[in-house]
Amino acid sequence: IGGLQRYFDPPKYDKKRNRYRSRNLRDVEDAVAKMAGLWWPRS
């Protein structure tokens, strides 16, 4: 994982609000899970 701060740095596009926002801890959790391949893409 390394330092967690790098997962907070890039802004995340919020589809509901139609703008970029700062990442929260849940976003970081999702990013780490995605890096580990622990996610199931929609089809």
PDB file of all heavy atoms in Angstrom:
ATOM      1  N   ILE A   1       0.840  -1.211   0.000  1.00  0.00           N
ATOM      2  CA  ILE A   1       0.000   0.000   0.000  1.00  0.00           C
ATOM      3  C   ILE A   1       0.868   1.251   0.000  1.00  0.00           C
ATOM      4  O   ILE A   1       0.592   2.221  -0.695  1.00  0.00           O
ATOM      5  CB  ILE A   1      -0.945   0.001   1.219  1.00  0.00           C
ATOM      6  CG1 ILE A   1      -1.964  -1.139   1.086  1.00  0.00           C
ATOM      7  CG2 ILE A   1      -1.661   1.344   1.345  1.00  0.00           C
ATOM      8  CD1 ILE A   1      -2.866  -1.296   2.286  1.00  0.00           C
ATOM      9  N   GLY A   2       1.985   1.213   0.780  1.00  0.00           N
ATOM     10  CA  GLY A   2       2.834   2.388   0.900  1.00  0.00           C
ATOM     11  C   GLY A   2       2.144   3.465   1.723  1.00  0.00           C
ATOM     12  O   GLY A   2       1.224   3.198   2.491  1.00  0.00           O
ATOM     13  N   GLY A   3       2.574   4.696   1.565  1.00  0.00           N
ATOM     14  CA  GLY A   3       1.931   5.789   2.288  1.00  0.00           C
ATOM     15  C   GLY A   3       0.516   6.020   1.800  1.00  0.00           C
ATOM     16  O   GLY A   3       0.272   6.107   0.594  1.00  0.00           O
ATOM     17  N   LEU A   4      -0.423   6.133   2.713  1.00  0.00           N
ATOM     18  CA  LEU A   4      -1.825   6.305   2.338  1.00  0.00           C
ATOM     19  C   LEU A   4      -2.126   7.674   1.733  1.00  0.00           C
ATOM     20  O   LEU A   4      -3.111   7.824   1.018  1.00  0.00           O
ATOM     21  CB  LEU A   4      -2.726   6.090   3.557  1.00  0.00           C
ATOM     22  CG  LEU A   4      -3.079   4.650   3.939  1.00  0.00           C
ATOM     23  CD1 LEU A   4      -3.971   4.660   5.158  1.00  0.00           C
ATOM     24  CD2 LEU A   4      -3.783   3.944   2.779  1.00  0.00           C
ATOM     25  N   GLN A   5      -1.267   8.645   2.002  1.00  0.00           N
ATOM     26  CA  GLN A   5      -1.577  10.007   1.567  1.00  0.00           C
ATOM     27  C   GLN A   5      -1.727  10.094   0.056  1.00  0.00           C
ATOM     28  O   GLN A   5      -2.541  10.875  -0.455  1.00  0.00           O
ATOM     29  CB  GLN A   5      -0.481  10.967   2.043  1.00  0.00           C
ATOM     30  CG  GLN A   5      -0.766  12.434   1.755  1.00  0.00           C
ATOM     31  CD  GLN A   5      -2.101  12.892   2.332  1.00  0.00           C
ATOM     32  OE1 GLN A   5      -2.438  12.583   3.468  1.00  0.00           O
ATOM     33  NE2 GLN A   5      -2.877  13.625   1.534  1.00  0.00           N
ATOM     34  N   ARG A   6      -0.972   9.293  -0.686  1.00  0.00           N
ATOM     35  CA  ARG A   6      -1.055   9.384  -2.145  1.00  0.00           C
ATOM     36  C   ARG A   6      -2.428   8.981  -2.670  1.00  0.00           C
ATOM     37  O   ARG A   6      -2.825   9.359  -3.771  1.00  0.00           O
ATOM     38  CB  ARG A   6       0.030   8.523  -2.797  1.00  0.00           C
ATOM     39  CG  ARG A   6      -0.119   7.022  -2.603  1.00  0.00           C
ATOM     40  CD  ARG A   6       1.148   6.310  -3.033  1.00  0.00           C
ATOM     41  NE  ARG A   6       1.052   4.854  -2.896  1.00  0.00           N
ATOM     42  CZ  ARG A   6       0.913   4.015  -3.906  1.00  0.00           C
ATOM     43  NH1 ARG A   6       0.842   4.487  -5.138  1.00  0.00           N
ATOM     44  NH2 ARG A   6       0.842   2.725  -3.722  1.00  0.00           N
ATOM     45  N   TYR A   7      -3.180   8.193  -1.884  1.00  0.00           N
ATOM     46  CA  TYR A   7      -4.533   7.816  -2.301  1.00  0.00           C
ATOM     47  C   TYR A   7      -5.535   8.935  -2.046  1.00  0.00           C
ATOM     48  O   TYR A   7      -6.617   8.955  -2.621  1.00  0.00           O
ATOM     49  CB  TYR A   7      -4.983   6.556  -1.565  1.00  0.00           C
ATOM     50  CG  TYR A   7      -4.127   5.343  -1.846  1.00  0.00           C
ATOM     51  CD1 TYR A   7      -3.071   5.013  -1.021  1.00  0.00           C
ATOM     52  CD2 TYR A   7      -4.374   4.529  -2.947  1.00  0.00           C
ATOM     53  CE1 TYR A   7      -2.277   3.902  -1.279  1.00  0.00           C
ATOM     54  CE2 TYR A   7      -3.595   3.424  -3.214  1.00  0.00           C
ATOM     55  CZ  TYR A   7      -2.543   3.116  -2.369  1.00  0.00           C
ATOM     56  OH  TYR A   7      -1.757   2.028  -2.630  1.00  0.00           O
ATOM     57  N   PHE A   8      -5.188   9.860  -1.155  1.00  0.00           N
ATOM     58  CA  PHE A   8      -6.070  10.998  -0.875  1.00  0.00           C
ATOM     59  C   PHE A   8      -5.852  12.153  -1.849  1.00  0.00           C
ATOM     60  O   PHE A   8      -6.752  12.964  -2.063  1.00  0.00           O
ATOM     61  CB  PHE A   8      -5.821  11.526   0.544  1.00  0.00           C
ATOM     62  CG  PHE A   8      -6.411  10.679   1.636  1.00  0.00           C
ATOM     63  CD1 PHE A   8      -5.632   9.764   2.328  1.00  0.00           C
ATOM     64  CD2 PHE A   8      -7.748  10.787   1.976  1.00  0.00           C
ATOM     65  CE1 PHE A   8      -6.171   8.993   3.339  1.00  0.00           C
ATOM     66  CE2 PHE A   8      -8.301  10.020   2.991  1.00  0.00           C
ATOM     67  CZ  PHE A   8      -7.500   9.111   3.672  1.00  0.00           C
ATOM     68  N   ASP A   9      -4.657  12.228  -2.441  1.00  0.00           N
ATOM     69  CA  ASP A   9      -4.261  13.425  -3.187  1.00  0.00           C
ATOM     70  C   ASP A   9      -5.098  13.696  -4.433  1.00  0.00           C
ATOM     71  O   ASP A   9      -5.603  14.814  -4.595  1.00  0.00           O
ATOM     72  CB  ASP A   9      -2.778  13.340  -3.548  1.00  0.00           C
ATOM     73  CG  ASP A   9      -1.894  13.551  -2.321  1.00  0.00           C
ATOM     74  OD1 ASP A   9      -2.397  14.115  -1.335  1.00  0.00           O
ATOM     75  OD2 ASP A   9      -0.720  13.149  -2.360  1.00  0.00           O
ATOM     76  N   PRO A  10      -5.238  12.774  -5.378  1.00  0.00           N
ATOM     77  CA  PRO A  10      -5.982  13.139  -6.595  1.00  0.00           C
ATOM     78  C   PRO A  10      -7.462  13.333  -6.300  1.00  0.00           C
ATOM     79  O   PRO A  10      -8.079  12.522  -5.595  1.00  0.00           O
ATOM     80  CB  PRO A  10      -5.755  11.929  -7.516  1.00  0.00           C
ATOM     81  CG  PRO A  10      -5.476  10.787  -6.600  1.00  0.00           C
ATOM     82  CD  PRO A  10      -4.771  11.377  -5.420  1.00  0.00           C
ATOM     83  N   PRO A  11      -8.086  14.381  -6.806  1.00  0.00           N
ATOM     84  CA  PRO A  11      -9.525  14.588  -6.570  1.00  0.00           C
ATOM     85  C   PRO A  11     -10.350  13.520  -7.282  1.00  0.00           C
ATOM     86  O   PRO A  11      -9.915  12.916  -8.264  1.00  0.00           O
ATOM     87  CB  PRO A  11      -9.781  15.973  -7.157  1.00  0.00           C
ATOM     88  CG  PRO A  11      -8.689  16.166  -8.164  1.00  0.00           C
ATOM     89  CD  PRO A  11      -7.497  15.445  -7.636  1.00  0.00           C
ATOM     90  N   LYS A  12     -11.536  13.281  -6.784  1.00  0.00           N
ATOM     91  CA  LYS A  12     -12.430  12.276  -7.346  1.00  0.00           C
ATOM     92  C   LYS A  12     -13.645  12.972  -7.952  1.00  0.00           C
ATOM     93  O   LYS A  12     -14.199  13.896  -7.354  1.00  0.00           O
ATOM     94  CB  LYS A  12     -12.885  11.301  -6.251  1.00  0.00           C
ATOM     95  CG  LYS A  12     -13.830  10.199  -6.732  1.00  0.00           C
ATOM     96  CD  LYS A  12     -14.243   9.313  -5.578  1.00  0.00           C
ATOM     97  CE  LYS A  12     -15.245   8.263  -6.016  1.00  0.00           C
ATOM     98  NZ  LYS A  12     -14.680   7.318  -6.989  1.00  0.00           N
ATOM     99  N   TYR A  13     -14.028  12.514  -9.129  1.00  0.00           N
ATOM    100  CA  TYR A  13     -15.195  13.118  -9.782  1.00  0.00           C
ATOM    101  C   TYR A  13     -16.469  12.533  -9.189  1.00  0.00           C
ATOM    102  O   TYR A  13     -16.681  11.330  -9.166  1.00  0.00           O
ATOM    103  CB  TYR A  13     -15.162  12.857 -11.285  1.00  0.00           C
ATOM    104  CG  TYR A  13     -16.271  13.568 -12.024  1.00  0.00           C
ATOM    105  CD1 TYR A  13     -16.209  14.944 -12.250  1.00  0.00           C
ATOM    106  CD2 TYR A  13     -17.381  12.865 -12.486  1.00  0.00           C
ATOM    107  CE1 TYR A  13     -17.224  15.603 -12.923  1.00  0.00           C
ATOM    108  CE2 TYR A  13     -18.404  13.523 -13.161  1.00  0.00           C
ATOM    109  CZ  TYR A  13     -18.318  14.889 -13.367  1.00  0.00           C
ATOM    110  OH  TYR A  13     -19.326  15.539 -14.025  1.00  0.00           O
ATOM    111  N   ASP A  14     -17.324  13.403  -8.679  1.00  0.00           N
ATOM    112  CA  ASP A  14     -18.592  13.002  -8.072  1.00  0.00           C
ATOM    113  C   ASP A  14     -19.684  13.097  -9.136  1.00  0.00           C
ATOM    114  O   ASP A  14     -20.057  14.190  -9.584  1.00  0.00           O
ATOM    115  CB  ASP A  14     -18.915  13.925  -6.888  1.00  0.00           C
ATOM    116  CG  ASP A  14     -20.052  13.383  -6.048  1.00  0.00           C
ATOM    117  OD1 ASP A  14     -20.988  12.790  -6.620  1.00  0.00           O
ATOM    118  OD2 ASP A  14     -20.008  13.554  -4.812  1.00  0.00           O
ATOM    119  N   LYS A  15     -20.204  11.951  -9.571  1.00  0.00           N
ATOM    120  CA  LYS A  15     -21.210  11.933 -10.632  1.00  0.00           C
ATOM    121  C   LYS A  15     -22.514  12.581 -10.193  1.00  0.00           C
ATOM    122  O   LYS A  15     -23.210  13.206 -11.001  1.00  0.00           O
ATOM    123  CB  LYS A  15     -21.469  10.493 -11.077  1.00  0.00           C
ATOM    124  CG  LYS A  15     -20.277   9.834 -11.752  1.00  0.00           C
ATOM    125  CD  LYS A  15     -20.602   8.421 -12.189  1.00  0.00           C
ATOM    126  CE  LYS A  15     -19.416   7.760 -12.878  1.00  0.00           C
ATOM    127  NZ  LYS A  15     -19.710   6.365 -13.285  1.00  0.00           N
ATOM    128  N   LYS A  16     -22.869  12.438  -8.920  1.00  0.00           N
ATOM    129  CA  LYS A  16     -24.129  13.004  -8.446  1.00  0.00           C
ATOM    130  C   LYS A  16     -24.066  14.532  -8.411  1.00  0.00           C
ATOM    131  O   LYS A  16     -25.019  15.219  -8.779  1.00  0.00           O
ATOM    132  CB  LYS A  16     -24.462  12.451  -7.066  1.00  0.00           C
ATOM    133  CG  LYS A  16     -24.792  10.961  -7.065  1.00  0.00           C
ATOM    134  CD  LYS A  16     -25.172  10.491  -5.669  1.00  0.00           C
ATOM    135  CE  LYS A  16     -25.541   9.015  -5.676  1.00  0.00           C
ATOM    136  NZ  LYS A  16     -25.901   8.524  -4.322  1.00  0.00           N
ATOM    137  N   ARG A  17     -22.952  15.060  -7.944  1.00  0.00           N
ATOM    138  CA  ARG A  17     -22.808  16.515  -7.821  1.00  0.00           C
ATOM    139  C   ARG A  17     -22.215  17.147  -9.078  1.00  0.00           C
ATOM    140  O   ARG A  17     -22.129  18.376  -9.170  1.00  0.00           O
ATOM    141  CB  ARG A  17     -21.947  16.846  -6.612  1.00  0.00           C
ATOM    142  CG  ARG A  17     -22.543  16.344  -5.297  1.00  0.00           C
ATOM    143  CD  ARG A  17     -21.629  16.643  -4.136  1.00  0.00           C
ATOM    144  NE  ARG A  17     -22.171  16.138  -2.870  1.00  0.00           N
ATOM    145  CZ  ARG A  17     -21.553  16.231  -1.705  1.00  0.00           C
ATOM    146  NH1 ARG A  17     -20.352  16.796  -1.640  1.00  0.00           N
ATOM    147  NH2 ARG A  17     -22.106  15.743  -0.612  1.00  0.00           N
ATOM    148  N   ASN A  18     -21.734  16.307  -9.988  1.00  0.00           N
ATOM    149  CA  ASN A  18     -21.190  16.774 -11.261  1.00  0.00           C
ATOM    150  C   ASN A  18     -19.997  17.715 -11.058  1.00  0.00           C
ATOM    151  O   ASN A  18     -19.878  18.768 -11.698  1.00  0.00           O
ATOM    152  CB  ASN A  18     -22.279  17.469 -12.090  1.00  0.00           C
ATOM    153  CG  ASN A  18     -21.882  17.602 -13.555  1.00  0.00           C
ATOM    154  OD1 ASN A  18     -21.122  16.771 -14.073  1.00  0.00           O
ATOM    155  ND2 ASN A  18     -22.368  18.639 -14.221  1.00  0.00           N
ATOM    156  N   ARG A  19     -19.122  17.320 -10.153  1.00  0.00           N
ATOM    157  CA  ARG A  19     -17.918  18.109  -9.895  1.00  0.00           C
ATOM    158  C   ARG A  19     -16.882  17.240  -9.184  1.00  0.00           C
ATOM    159  O   ARG A  19     -17.194  16.154  -8.703  1.00  0.00           O
ATOM    160  CB  ARG A  19     -18.237  19.340  -9.045  1.00  0.00           C
ATOM    161  CG  ARG A  19     -18.751  19.020  -7.652  1.00  0.00           C
ATOM    162  CD  ARG A  19     -19.008  20.291  -6.867  1.00  0.00           C
ATOM    163  NE  ARG A  19     -19.594  20.047  -5.559  1.00  0.00           N
ATOM    164  CZ  ARG A  19     -18.887  19.730  -4.478  1.00  0.00           C
ATOM    165  NH1 ARG A  19     -17.563  19.615  -4.540  1.00  0.00           N
ATOM    166  NH2 ARG A  19     -19.490  19.529  -3.319  1.00  0.00           N
ATOM    167  N   TYR A  20     -15.647  17.732  -9.139  1.00  0.00           N
ATOM    168  CA  TYR A  20     -14.588  17.032  -8.423  1.00  0.00           C
ATOM    169  C   TYR A  20     -14.660  17.378  -6.934  1.00  0.00           C
ATOM    170  O   TYR A  20     -15.049  18.482  -6.553  1.00  0.00           O
ATOM    171  CB  TYR A  20     -13.213  17.420  -8.971  1.00  0.00           C
ATOM    172  CG  TYR A  20     -12.877  16.760 -10.286  1.00  0.00           C
ATOM    173  CD1 TYR A  20     -13.149  17.408 -11.496  1.00  0.00           C
ATOM    174  CD2 TYR A  20     -12.295  15.503 -10.324  1.00  0.00           C
ATOM    175  CE1 TYR A  20     -12.849  16.797 -12.707  1.00  0.00           C
ATOM    176  CE2 TYR A  20     -11.987  14.884 -11.527  1.00  0.00           C
ATOM    177  CZ  TYR A  20     -12.265  15.534 -12.715  1.00  0.00           C
ATOM    178  OH  TYR A  20     -11.966  14.929 -13.898  1.00  0.00           O
ATOM    179  N   ARG A  21     -14.288  16.440  -6.117  1.00  0.00           N
ATOM    180  CA  ARG A  21     -14.251  16.639  -4.669  1.00  0.00           C
ATOM    181  C   ARG A  21     -13.032  15.923  -4.087  1.00  0.00           C
ATOM    182  O   ARG A  21     -12.400  15.096  -4.744  1.00  0.00           O
ATOM    183  CB  ARG A  21     -15.519  16.082  -4.009  1.00  0.00           C
ATOM    184  CG  ARG A  21     -15.717  14.584  -4.197  1.00  0.00           C
ATOM    185  CD  ARG A  21     -16.818  14.048  -3.307  1.00  0.00           C
ATOM    186  NE  ARG A  21     -17.093  12.637  -3.558  1.00  0.00           N
ATOM    187  CZ  ARG A  21     -16.382  11.630  -3.074  1.00  0.00           C
ATOM    188  NH1 ARG A  21     -15.310  11.876  -2.323  1.00  0.00           N
ATOM    189  NH2 ARG A  21     -16.705  10.369  -3.338  1.00  0.00           N
ATOM    190  N   SER A  22     -12.714  16.232  -2.840  1.00  0.00           N
ATOM    191  CA  SER A  22     -11.610  15.568  -2.157  1.00  0.00           C
ATOM    192  C   SER A  22     -11.993  14.125  -1.827  1.00  0.00           C
ATOM    193  O   SER A  22     -13.169  13.830  -1.567  1.00  0.00           O
ATOM    194  CB  SER A  22     -11.254  16.322  -0.873  1.00  0.00           C
ATOM    195  OG  SER A  22     -10.860  17.646  -1.166  1.00  0.00           O
ATOM    196  N   ARG A  23     -11.026  13.275  -1.822  1.00  0.00           N
ATOM    197  CA  ARG A  23     -11.291  11.866  -1.505  1.00  0.00           C
ATOM    198  C   ARG A  23     -11.415  11.674   0.003  1.00  0.00           C
ATOM    199  O   ARG A  23     -10.710  12.311   0.787  1.00  0.00           O
ATOM    200  CB  ARG A  23     -10.165  10.976  -2.037  1.00  0.00           C
ATOM    201  CG  ARG A  23     -10.134  10.900  -3.563  1.00  0.00           C
ATOM    202  CD  ARG A  23      -8.982  10.051  -4.058  1.00  0.00           C
ATOM    203  NE  ARG A  23      -8.940  10.039  -5.514  1.00  0.00           N
ATOM    204  CZ  ARG A  23      -9.420   9.067  -6.278  1.00  0.00           C
ATOM    205  NH1 ARG A  23      -9.960   8.002  -5.706  1.00  0.00           N
ATOM    206  NH2 ARG A  23      -9.342   9.131  -7.580  1.00  0.00           N
ATOM    207  N   ASN A  24     -12.312  10.760   0.394  1.00  0.00           N
ATOM    208  CA  ASN A  24     -12.460  10.420   1.800  1.00  0.00           C
ATOM    209  C   ASN A  24     -11.890   9.025   2.055  1.00  0.00           C
ATOM    210  O   ASN A  24     -11.368   8.373   1.150  1.00  0.00           O
ATOM    211  CB  ASN A  24     -13.932  10.510   2.228  1.00  0.00           C
ATOM    212  CG  ASN A  24     -14.834   9.661   1.338  1.00  0.00           C
ATOM    213  OD1 ASN A  24     -14.479   8.544   0.930  1.00  0.00           O
ATOM    214  ND2 ASN A  24     -16.013  10.180   1.015  1.00  0.00           N
ATOM    215  N   LEU A  25     -12.011   8.575   3.294  1.00  0.00           N
ATOM    216  CA  LEU A  25     -11.409   7.298   3.675  1.00  0.00           C
ATOM    217  C   LEU A  25     -12.051   6.127   2.942  1.00  0.00           C
ATOM    218  O   LEU A  25     -11.380   5.137   2.622  1.00  0.00           O
ATOM    219  CB  LEU A  25     -11.532   7.099   5.193  1.00  0.00           C
ATOM    220  CG  LEU A  25     -10.629   6.014   5.806  1.00  0.00           C
ATOM    221  CD1 LEU A  25      -9.163   6.315   5.541  1.00  0.00           C
ATOM    222  CD2 LEU A  25     -10.883   5.896   7.306  1.00  0.00           C
ATOM    223  N   ARG A  26     -13.342   6.230   2.651  1.00  0.00           N
ATOM    224  CA  ARG A  26     -14.009   5.166   1.897  1.00  0.00           C
ATOM    225  C   ARG A  26     -13.466   5.074   0.472  1.00  0.00           C
ATOM    226  O   ARG A  26     -13.329   3.982  -0.077  1.00  0.00           O
ATOM    227  CB  ARG A  26     -15.515   5.414   1.882  1.00  0.00           C
ATOM    228  CG  ARG A  26     -16.311   4.299   1.176  1.00  0.00           C
ATOM    229  CD  ARG A  26     -16.042   2.938   1.816  1.00  0.00           C
ATOM    230  NE  ARG A  26     -16.680   1.867   1.099  1.00  0.00           N
ATOM    231  CZ  ARG A  26     -17.923   1.426   1.380  1.00  0.00           C
ATOM    232  NH1 ARG A  26     -18.616   1.983   2.367  1.00  0.00           N
ATOM    233  NH2 ARG A  26     -18.438   0.438   0.693  1.00  0.00           N
ATOM    234  N   ASP A  27     -13.155   6.222  -0.114  1.00  0.00           N
ATOM    235  CA  ASP A  27     -12.557   6.221  -1.455  1.00  0.00           C
ATOM    236  C   ASP A  27     -11.192   5.547  -1.436  1.00  0.00           C
ATOM    237  O   ASP A  27     -10.833   4.816  -2.366  1.00  0.00           O
ATOM    238  CB  ASP A  27     -12.415   7.653  -1.973  1.00  0.00           C
ATOM    239  CG  ASP A  27     -13.752   8.346  -2.160  1.00  0.00           C
ATOM    240  OD1 ASP A  27     -14.719   7.660  -2.569  1.00  0.00           O
ATOM    241  OD2 ASP A  27     -13.834   9.560  -1.892  1.00  0.00           O
ATOM    242  N   VAL A  28     -10.427   5.810  -0.385  1.00  0.00           N
ATOM    243  CA  VAL A  28      -9.112   5.179  -0.262  1.00  0.00           C
ATOM    244  C   VAL A  28      -9.262   3.672  -0.096  1.00  0.00           C
ATOM    245  O   VAL A  28      -8.518   2.885  -0.694  1.00  0.00           O
ATOM    246  CB  VAL A  28      -8.342   5.787   0.931  1.00  0.00           C
ATOM    247  CG1 VAL A  28      -7.024   5.052   1.162  1.00  0.00           C
ATOM    248  CG2 VAL A  28      -8.089   7.268   0.696  1.00  0.00           C
ATOM    249  N   GLU A  29     -10.235   3.261   0.713  1.00  0.00           N
ATOM    250  CA  GLU A  29     -10.502   1.827   0.883  1.00  0.00           C
ATOM    251  C   GLU A  29     -10.817   1.172  -0.460  1.00  0.00           C
ATOM    252  O   GLU A  29     -10.290   0.097  -0.792  1.00  0.00           O
ATOM    253  CB  GLU A  29     -11.661   1.629   1.851  1.00  0.00           C
ATOM    254  CG  GLU A  29     -12.095   0.170   1.999  1.00  0.00           C
ATOM    255  CD  GLU A  29     -13.417   0.025   2.719  1.00  0.00           C
ATOM    256  OE1 GLU A  29     -13.784   0.949   3.481  1.00  0.00           O
ATOM    257  OE2 GLU A  29     -14.092  -1.003   2.515  1.00  0.00           O
ATOM    258  N   ASP A  30     -11.668   1.824  -1.250  1.00  0.00           N
ATOM    259  CA  ASP A  30     -12.024   1.284  -2.569  1.00  0.00           C
ATOM    260  C   ASP A  30     -10.810   1.209  -3.486  1.00  0.00           C
ATOM    261  O   ASP A  30     -10.656   0.259  -4.262  1.00  0.00           O
ATOM    262  CB  ASP A  30     -13.110   2.143  -3.215  1.00  0.00           C
ATOM    263  CG  ASP A  30     -14.445   2.040  -2.486  1.00  0.00           C
ATOM    264  OD1 ASP A  30     -14.629   1.062  -1.738  1.00  0.00           O
ATOM    265  OD2 ASP A  30     -15.287   2.939  -2.651  1.00  0.00           O
ATOM    266  N   ALA A  31      -9.939   2.220  -3.406  1.00  0.00           N
ATOM    267  CA  ALA A  31      -8.745   2.233  -4.254  1.00  0.00           C
ATOM    268  C   ALA A  31      -7.796   1.099  -3.886  1.00  0.00           C
ATOM    269  O   ALA A  31      -7.227   0.444  -4.772  1.00  0.00           O
ATOM    270  CB  ALA A  31      -8.036   3.582  -4.127  1.00  0.00           C
ATOM    271  N   VAL A  32      -7.623   0.850  -2.600  1.00  0.00           N
ATOM    272  CA  VAL A  32      -6.746  -0.243  -2.156  1.00  0.00           C
ATOM    273  C   VAL A  32      -7.333  -1.586  -2.571  1.00  0.00           C
ATOM    274  O   VAL A  32      -6.611  -2.480  -3.051  1.00  0.00           O
ATOM    275  CB  VAL A  32      -6.544  -0.172  -0.628  1.00  0.00           C
ATOM    276  CG1 VAL A  32      -5.834  -1.429  -0.119  1.00  0.00           C
ATOM    277  CG2 VAL A  32      -5.747   1.072  -0.259  1.00  0.00           C
ATOM    278  N   ALA A  33      -8.647  -1.748  -2.393  1.00  0.00           N
ATOM    279  CA  ALA A  33      -9.291  -3.003  -2.794  1.00  0.00           C
ATOM    280  C   ALA A  33      -9.164  -3.220  -4.300  1.00  0.00           C
ATOM    281  O   ALA A  33      -8.931  -4.350  -4.757  1.00  0.00           O
ATOM    282  CB  ALA A  33     -10.767  -2.980  -2.387  1.00  0.00           C
ATOM    283  N   LYS A  34      -9.300  -2.145  -5.058  1.00  0.00           N
ATOM    284  CA  LYS A  34      -9.178  -2.256  -6.514  1.00  0.00           C
ATOM    285  C   LYS A  34      -7.753  -2.625  -6.904  1.00  0.00           C
ATOM    286  O   LYS A  34      -7.541  -3.426  -7.826  1.00  0.00           O
ATOM    287  CB  LYS A  34      -9.593  -0.937  -7.159  1.00  0.00           C
ATOM    288  CG  LYS A  34      -9.847  -1.036  -8.657  1.00  0.00           C
ATOM    289  CD  LYS A  34     -10.481   0.239  -9.184  1.00  0.00           C
ATOM    290  CE  LYS A  34     -10.834   0.102 -10.661  1.00  0.00           C
ATOM    291  NZ  LYS A  34     -11.492   1.323 -11.180  1.00  0.00           N
ATOM    292  N   MET A  35      -6.776  -2.061  -6.221  1.00  0.00           N
ATOM    293  CA  MET A  35      -5.382  -2.395  -6.508  1.00  0.00           C
ATOM    294  C   MET A  35      -5.105  -3.875  -6.238  1.00  0.00           C
ATOM    295  O   MET A  35      -4.314  -4.513  -6.939  1.00  0.00           O
ATOM    296  CB  MET A  35      -4.445  -1.521  -5.663  1.00  0.00           C
ATOM    297  CG  MET A  35      -2.970  -1.746  -5.972  1.00  0.00           C
ATOM    298  SD  MET A  35      -1.887  -0.525  -5.203  1.00  0.00           S
ATOM    299  CE  MET A  35      -2.057  -0.955  -3.472  1.00  0.00           C
ATOM    300  N   ALA A  36      -5.782  -4.431  -5.236  1.00  0.00           N
ATOM    301  CA  ALA A  36      -5.614  -5.841  -4.905  1.00  0.00           C
ATOM    302  C   ALA A  36      -6.474  -6.762  -5.769  1.00  0.00           C
ATOM    303  O   ALA A  36      -6.417  -7.984  -5.631  1.00  0.00           O
ATOM    304  CB  ALA A  36      -5.938  -6.072  -3.427  1.00  0.00           C
ATOM    305  N   GLY A  37      -7.294  -6.175  -6.645  1.00  0.00           N
ATOM    306  CA  GLY A  37      -8.172  -6.992  -7.490  1.00  0.00           C
ATOM    307  C   GLY A  37      -9.405  -7.485  -6.776  1.00  0.00           C
ATOM    308  O   GLY A  37     -10.066  -8.414  -7.233  1.00  0.00           O
ATOM    309  N   LEU A  38      -9.752  -6.858  -5.656  1.00  0.00           N
ATOM    310  CA  LEU A  38     -10.922  -7.271  -4.883  1.00  0.00           C
ATOM    311  C   LEU A  38     -12.127  -6.408  -5.262  1.00  0.00           C
ATOM    312  O   LEU A  38     -12.689  -5.683  -4.438  1.00  0.00           O
ATOM    313  CB  LEU A  38     -10.628  -7.169  -3.382  1.00  0.00           C
ATOM    314  CG  LEU A  38      -9.484  -8.053  -2.884  1.00  0.00           C
ATOM    315  CD1 LEU A  38      -9.142  -7.723  -1.433  1.00  0.00           C
ATOM    316  CD2 LEU A  38      -9.837  -9.529  -3.020  1.00  0.00           C
ATOM    317  N   TRP A  39     -12.498  -6.460  -6.529  1.00  0.00           N
ATOM    318  CA  TRP A  39     -13.685  -5.731  -6.979  1.00  0.00           C
ATOM    319  C   TRP A  39     -14.272  -6.468  -8.171  1.00  0.00           C
ATOM    320  O   TRP A  39     -13.603  -7.244  -8.839  1.00  0.00           O
ATOM    321  CB  TRP A  39     -13.360  -4.276  -7.297  1.00  0.00           C
ATOM    322  CG  TRP A  39     -12.517  -4.049  -8.508  1.00  0.00           C
ATOM    323  CD1 TRP A  39     -11.235  -4.452  -8.700  1.00  0.00           C
ATOM    324  CD2 TRP A  39     -12.900  -3.375  -9.706  1.00  0.00           C
ATOM    325  NE1 TRP A  39     -10.780  -4.064  -9.924  1.00  0.00           N
ATOM    326  CE2 TRP A  39     -11.774  -3.400 -10.581  1.00  0.00           C
ATOM    327  CE3 TRP A  39     -14.065  -2.738 -10.132  1.00  0.00           C
ATOM    328  CZ2 TRP A  39     -11.803  -2.828 -11.844  1.00  0.00           C
ATOM    329  CZ3 TRP A  39     -14.091  -2.164 -11.392  1.00  0.00           C
ATOM    330  CH2 TRP A  39     -12.966  -2.199 -12.225  1.00  0.00           C
ATOM    331  N   TRP A  40     -15.556  -6.199  -8.391  1.00  0.00           N
ATOM    332  CA  TRP A  40     -16.336  -6.914  -9.389  1.00  0.00           C
ATOM    333  C   TRP A  40     -16.957  -5.892 -10.342  1.00  0.00           C
ATOM    334  O   TRP A  40     -17.995  -5.281 -10.041  1.00  0.00           O
ATOM    335  CB  TRP A  40     -17.414  -7.739  -8.707  1.00  0.00           C
ATOM    336  CG  TRP A  40     -16.861  -8.838  -7.857  1.00  0.00           C
ATOM    337  CD1 TRP A  40     -16.772 -10.153  -8.185  1.00  0.00           C
ATOM    338  CD2 TRP A  40     -16.320  -8.719  -6.524  1.00  0.00           C
ATOM    339  NE1 TRP A  40     -16.199 -10.870  -7.162  1.00  0.00           N
ATOM    340  CE2 TRP A  40     -15.916 -10.015  -6.128  1.00  0.00           C
ATOM    341  CE3 TRP A  40     -16.125  -7.661  -5.642  1.00  0.00           C
ATOM    342  CZ2 TRP A  40     -15.339 -10.285  -4.893  1.00  0.00           C
ATOM    343  CZ3 TRP A  40     -15.545  -7.918  -4.412  1.00  0.00           C
ATOM    344  CH2 TRP A  40     -15.160  -9.217  -4.051  1.00  0.00           C
ATOM    345  N   PRO A  41     -16.349  -5.647 -11.517  1.00  0.00           N
ATOM    346  CA  PRO A  41     -16.858  -4.615 -12.429  1.00  0.00           C
ATOM    347  C   PRO A  41     -18.267  -4.932 -12.930  1.00  0.00           C
ATOM    348  O   PRO A  41     -18.618  -6.108 -13.125  1.00  0.00           O
ATOM    349  CB  PRO A  41     -15.846  -4.653 -13.590  1.00  0.00           C
ATOM    350  CG  PRO A  41     -14.649  -5.354 -13.056  1.00  0.00           C
ATOM    351  CD  PRO A  41     -15.141  -6.310 -12.031  1.00  0.00           C
ATOM    352  N   ARG A  42     -19.055  -3.881 -13.148  1.00  0.00           N
ATOM    353  CA  ARG A  42     -20.379  -4.031 -13.735  1.00  0.00           C
ATOM    354  C   ARG A  42     -20.247  -4.392 -15.207  1.00  0.00           C
ATOM    355  O   ARG A  42     -19.280  -4.040 -15.875  1.00  0.00           O
ATOM    356  CB  ARG A  42     -21.174  -2.742 -13.601  1.00  0.00           C
ATOM    357  CG  ARG A  42     -21.612  -2.400 -12.195  1.00  0.00           C
ATOM    358  CD  ARG A  42     -22.376  -1.093 -12.203  1.00  0.00           C
ATOM    359  NE  ARG A  42     -23.534  -1.134 -13.107  1.00  0.00           N
ATOM    360  CZ  ARG A  42     -24.215  -0.064 -13.478  1.00  0.00           C
ATOM    361  NH1 ARG A  42     -23.841   1.139 -13.054  1.00  0.00           N
ATOM    362  NH2 ARG A  42     -25.253  -0.177 -14.280  1.00  0.00           N
ATOM    363  N   SER A  43     -21.258  -5.095 -15.704  1.00  0.00           N
ATOM    364  CA  SER A  43     -21.321  -5.425 -17.125  1.00  0.00           C
ATOM    365  C   SER A  43     -22.747  -5.169 -17.599  1.00  0.00           C
ATOM    366  O   SER A  43     -23.670  -5.915 -17.276  1.00  0.00           O
ATOM    367  CB  SER A  43     -20.931  -6.896 -17.368  1.00  0.00           C
ATOM    368  OG  SER A  43     -21.025  -7.224 -18.730  1.00  0.00           O
TER     369      SER A  43
END
